[in-house]
Amino acid sequence: MSYSVRYAKSIYERQVENLPASARAEIDAHVRSLKEHPMPEDGSAVFRVRMRTGSPLYAARTRRFMVYHTIEDECVVIVSVLPIPQLKP
């Protein structure tokens, strides 16, 4: 089954659009993978974070970002894209 994917209201504009092209490409690649595998499976990089009024909230880590999503009416909705702080030794 293939799911449609969309960003929640203005998430793309506020959290993705102004990133460098390489960062946007990293997020876009992850979002494309969610079309086929939006829910946790054995060995999946996606994990359940919490329940949100009946809809679970999922998270996945890319190299530089945490991407949070939920599923509404067979549509994956990206609710947040947050940079992972780079720790310096």
C-alpha atoms as a PDB file:
ATOM      1  CA  MET A   1       0.000   0.000   0.000  1.00  0.00           C
ATOM      2  CA  SER A   2       1.227   3.475  -0.800  1.00  0.00           C
ATOM      3  CA  TYR A   3       0.288   6.468   1.342  1.00  0.00           C
ATOM      4  CA  SER A   4       0.068  10.086   0.289  1.00  0.00           C
ATOM      5  CA  VAL A   5       2.312  12.427   2.266  1.00  0.00           C
ATOM      6  CA  ARG A   6       1.783  16.068   3.185  1.00  0.00           C
ATOM      7  CA  TYR A   7       3.227  18.578   5.622  1.00  0.00           C
ATOM      8  CA  ALA A   8       1.052  19.988   8.402  1.00  0.00           C
ATOM      9  CA  LYS A   9       0.116  23.667   8.067  1.00  0.00           C
ATOM     10  CA  SER A  10       3.224  25.747   7.292  1.00  0.00           C
ATOM     11  CA  ILE A  11       5.694  23.137   8.621  1.00  0.00           C
ATOM     12  CA  TYR A  12       7.491  23.056   5.266  1.00  0.00           C
ATOM     13  CA  GLU A  13       7.752  26.856   5.133  1.00  0.00           C
ATOM     14  CA  ARG A  14       8.943  27.214   8.741  1.00  0.00           C
ATOM     15  CA  GLN A  15      11.133  24.152   9.200  1.00  0.00           C
ATOM     16  CA  VAL A  16      12.278  22.891   5.788  1.00  0.00           C
ATOM     17  CA  GLU A  17      12.081  25.480   3.009  1.00  0.00           C
ATOM     18  CA  ASN A  18      14.943  27.699   4.246  1.00  0.00           C
ATOM     19  CA  LEU A  19      17.389  24.831   4.777  1.00  0.00           C
ATOM     20  CA  PRO A  20      20.352  24.283   2.425  1.00  0.00           C
ATOM     21  CA  ALA A  21      19.598  22.104  -0.594  1.00  0.00           C
ATOM     22  CA  SER A  22      21.473  19.089   0.826  1.00  0.00           C
ATOM     23  CA  ALA A  23      19.397  19.194   4.031  1.00  0.00           C
ATOM     24  CA  ARG A  24      16.144  19.494   2.065  1.00  0.00           C
ATOM     25  CA  ALA A  25      17.214  16.529  -0.090  1.00  0.00           C
ATOM     26  CA  GLU A  26      17.854  14.470   3.062  1.00  0.00           C
ATOM     27  CA  ILE A  27      14.385  15.268   4.414  1.00  0.00           C
ATOM     28  CA  ASP A  28      12.712  14.743   1.027  1.00  0.00           C
ATOM     29  CA  ALA A  29      14.334  11.285   0.722  1.00  0.00           C
ATOM     30  CA  HIS A  30      12.988  10.330   4.139  1.00  0.00           C
ATOM     31  CA  VAL A  31       9.524  11.680   3.320  1.00  0.00           C
ATOM     32  CA  ARG A  32       9.484   9.627   0.093  1.00  0.00           C
ATOM     33  CA  SER A  33      10.311   6.485   2.107  1.00  0.00           C
ATOM     34  CA  LEU A  34       7.297   7.152   4.342  1.00  0.00           C
ATOM     35  CA  LYS A  35       5.002   6.679   1.333  1.00  0.00           C
ATOM     36  CA  GLU A  36       5.728   2.947   1.487  1.00  0.00           C
ATOM     37  CA  HIS A  37       6.659   2.395   5.172  1.00  0.00           C
ATOM     38  CA  PRO A  38       5.036   4.946   7.497  1.00  0.00           C
ATOM     39  CA  MET A  39       4.574   2.667  10.524  1.00  0.00           C
ATOM     40  CA  PRO A  40       7.151   0.893  12.667  1.00  0.00           C
ATOM     41  CA  GLU A  41       8.236  -2.535  11.513  1.00  0.00           C
ATOM     42  CA  ASP A  42      10.999  -4.816  12.702  1.00  0.00           C
ATOM     43  CA  GLY A  43      14.284  -3.175  11.748  1.00  0.00           C
ATOM     44  CA  SER A  44      12.527   0.054  10.786  1.00  0.00           C
ATOM     45  CA  ALA A  45      14.064   3.424  11.508  1.00  0.00           C
ATOM     46  CA  VAL A  46      10.606   4.746  12.431  1.00  0.00           C
ATOM     47  CA  PHE A  47       9.394   4.393  16.005  1.00  0.00           C
ATOM     48  CA  ARG A  48       6.239   5.277  17.911  1.00  0.00           C
ATOM     49  CA  VAL A  49       6.644   8.255  20.233  1.00  0.00           C
ATOM     50  CA  ARG A  50       3.215   8.638  21.842  1.00  0.00           C
ATOM     51  CA  MET A  51      -0.525   8.540  21.266  1.00  0.00           C
ATOM     52  CA  ARG A  52      -2.237  11.756  20.235  1.00  0.00           C
ATOM     53  CA  THR A  53      -6.016  11.613  20.621  1.00  0.00           C
ATOM     54  CA  GLY A  54      -6.319   8.307  18.858  1.00  0.00           C
ATOM     55  CA  SER A  55      -3.491   8.868  16.371  1.00  0.00           C
ATOM     56  CA  PRO A  56       0.005   7.675  17.257  1.00  0.00           C
ATOM     57  CA  LEU A  57       2.898  10.056  16.723  1.00  0.00           C
ATOM     58  CA  TYR A  58       5.910   8.506  15.003  1.00  0.00           C
ATOM     59  CA  ALA A  59       9.488   9.711  14.759  1.00  0.00           C
ATOM     60  CA  ALA A  60      12.436   8.844  12.580  1.00  0.00           C
ATOM     61  CA  ARG A  61      16.008  10.061  12.615  1.00  0.00           C
ATOM     62  CA  THR A  62      17.826  11.017   9.471  1.00  0.00           C
ATOM     63  CA  ARG A  63      21.503  11.934   9.598  1.00  0.00           C
ATOM     64  CA  ARG A  64      20.781  15.525  10.733  1.00  0.00           C
ATOM     65  CA  PHE A  65      17.067  15.659  11.631  1.00  0.00           C
ATOM     66  CA  MET A  66      14.247  14.129  13.650  1.00  0.00           C
ATOM     67  CA  VAL A  67      11.113  13.918  11.518  1.00  0.00           C
ATOM     68  CA  TYR A  68       7.806  13.459  13.359  1.00  0.00           C
ATOM     69  CA  HIS A  69       4.652  12.279  11.606  1.00  0.00           C
ATOM     70  CA  THR A  70       1.204  10.861  12.171  1.00  0.00           C
ATOM     71  CA  ILE A  71      -1.244   9.062   9.913  1.00  0.00           C
ATOM     72  CA  GLU A  72      -4.657  10.547   9.183  1.00  0.00           C
ATOM     73  CA  ASP A  73      -7.083   8.899   6.756  1.00  0.00           C
ATOM     74  CA  GLU A  74      -4.335   6.891   5.008  1.00  0.00           C
ATOM     75  CA  CYS A  75      -2.238  10.051   4.609  1.00  0.00           C
ATOM     76  CA  VAL A  76       1.129  10.540   6.293  1.00  0.00           C
ATOM     77  CA  VAL A  77       1.223  14.022   7.817  1.00  0.00           C
ATOM     78  CA  ILE A  78       4.632  15.482   8.688  1.00  0.00           C
ATOM     79  CA  VAL A  79       4.089  17.444  11.888  1.00  0.00           C
ATOM     80  CA  SER A  80       7.642  18.548  12.686  1.00  0.00           C
ATOM     81  CA  VAL A  81      11.176  18.523  11.316  1.00  0.00           C
ATOM     82  CA  LEU A  82      13.779  19.404  13.942  1.00  0.00           C
ATOM     83  CA  PRO A  83      17.557  19.540  13.576  1.00  0.00           C
ATOM     84  CA  ILE A  84      19.535  17.202  15.798  1.00  0.00           C
ATOM     85  CA  PRO A  85      22.164  19.164  17.732  1.00  0.00           C
ATOM     86  CA  GLN A  86      25.678  18.318  16.669  1.00  0.00           C
ATOM     87  CA  LEU A  87      27.679  17.431  19.762  1.00  0.00           C
ATOM     88  CA  LYS A  88      31.298  18.512  19.857  1.00  0.00           C
ATOM     89  CA  PRO A  89      33.795  16.343  21.777  1.00  0.00           C
END
